[in-house]
Amino acid sequence: MLEDLKEKLGEYVDTPIDEITADTRFIEDLGLNSFEFMSLLGYLEEEYDIVVDENEVRGLRTVGEAVEYIEKLTNEA
């Protein structure tokens, strides 16, 4: 899942995907704005057939936190 998320992030940012790690921060390191972040979440909802809670995802700061959140939702489905 981390690799898939890195690939998708590559469409939004100039950072090479091989430099994106689980500790990479969406805003501080990648420079994602809120629209880009929400677009990414929309993709993840479609790709993994999940529904994200906007209040919960506001707390996600790193790529690794997003992966853990998505894995939690896909395991519950």
Protein backbone atom coordinates (compact mmCIF):
# COMPACT_ATOMS: atom_id res chain seq x y z
CA MET A 1 0.00 0.00 0.00
CA LEU A 2 2.88 2.38 0.72
CA GLU A 3 4.20 1.96 -2.81
CA ASP A 4 0.77 2.62 -4.32
CA LEU A 5 0.37 5.77 -2.25
CA LYS A 6 3.86 6.94 -3.24
CA GLU A 7 3.02 6.40 -6.92
CA LYS A 8 -0.15 8.45 -6.59
CA LEU A 9 1.64 11.19 -4.66
CA GLY A 10 4.08 11.41 -7.57
CA GLU A 11 1.21 12.83 -9.63
CA TYR A 12 0.77 15.70 -7.17
CA VAL A 13 4.30 16.65 -6.12
CA ASP A 14 7.71 17.25 -7.63
CA THR A 15 9.45 15.08 -5.05
CA PRO A 16 10.84 11.87 -6.61
CA ILE A 17 8.83 8.92 -5.34
CA ASP A 18 11.96 7.10 -4.20
CA GLU A 19 12.51 9.94 -1.71
CA ILE A 20 9.03 9.58 -0.20
CA THR A 21 9.03 7.47 2.96
CA ALA A 22 6.52 6.61 5.66
CA ASP A 23 7.89 9.57 7.65
CA THR A 24 7.36 12.08 4.83
CA ARG A 25 4.92 14.80 5.87
CA PHE A 26 2.22 15.83 3.41
CA ILE A 27 2.36 19.57 3.96
CA GLU A 28 5.83 20.32 5.31
CA ASP A 29 7.82 17.93 3.09
CA LEU A 30 5.65 17.51 -0.01
CA GLY A 31 3.90 20.88 -0.04
CA LEU A 32 0.43 19.45 -0.61
CA ASN A 33 -2.37 21.95 -0.25
CA SER A 34 -5.76 21.01 1.16
CA PHE A 35 -7.32 20.58 -2.30
CA GLU A 36 -4.57 18.20 -3.40
CA PHE A 37 -4.85 16.25 -0.16
CA MET A 38 -8.62 15.89 -0.55
CA SER A 39 -8.17 14.81 -4.19
CA LEU A 40 -5.73 12.17 -3.02
CA LEU A 41 -8.24 10.97 -0.45
CA GLY A 42 -10.90 10.74 -3.14
CA TYR A 43 -8.61 8.53 -5.19
CA LEU A 44 -7.96 6.31 -2.16
CA GLU A 45 -11.67 5.96 -1.47
CA GLU A 46 -12.25 4.80 -5.03
CA GLU A 47 -9.17 2.61 -5.26
CA TYR A 48 -9.73 0.76 -1.99
CA ASP A 49 -13.53 1.01 -1.80
CA ILE A 50 -13.43 2.78 1.56
CA VAL A 51 -15.06 5.86 3.05
CA VAL A 52 -12.76 8.20 4.93
CA ASP A 53 -13.92 10.33 7.82
CA GLU A 54 -12.87 13.92 7.12
CA ASN A 55 -12.46 14.62 10.82
CA GLU A 56 -10.11 11.67 11.21
CA VAL A 57 -7.99 12.39 8.14
CA ARG A 58 -7.36 15.97 9.23
CA GLY A 59 -5.03 14.50 11.84
CA LEU A 60 -2.97 12.54 9.31
CA ARG A 61 0.40 14.24 8.92
CA THR A 62 2.64 11.60 7.33
CA VAL A 63 2.44 9.11 4.51
CA GLY A 64 2.85 6.29 7.05
CA GLU A 65 -0.10 7.52 9.11
CA ALA A 66 -2.23 7.55 5.97
CA VAL A 67 -1.17 4.01 5.09
CA GLU A 68 -2.08 2.81 8.60
CA TYR A 69 -5.45 4.56 8.41
CA ILE A 70 -6.26 3.05 4.99
CA GLU A 71 -5.17 -0.41 6.11
CA LYS A 72 -7.41 -0.11 9.17
CA LEU A 73 -10.39 0.79 6.97
CA THR A 74 -9.74 -1.95 4.42
CA ASN A 75 -9.43 -4.54 7.20
CA GLU A 76 -12.76 -3.45 8.63
CA ALA A 77 -14.52 -3.74 5.28
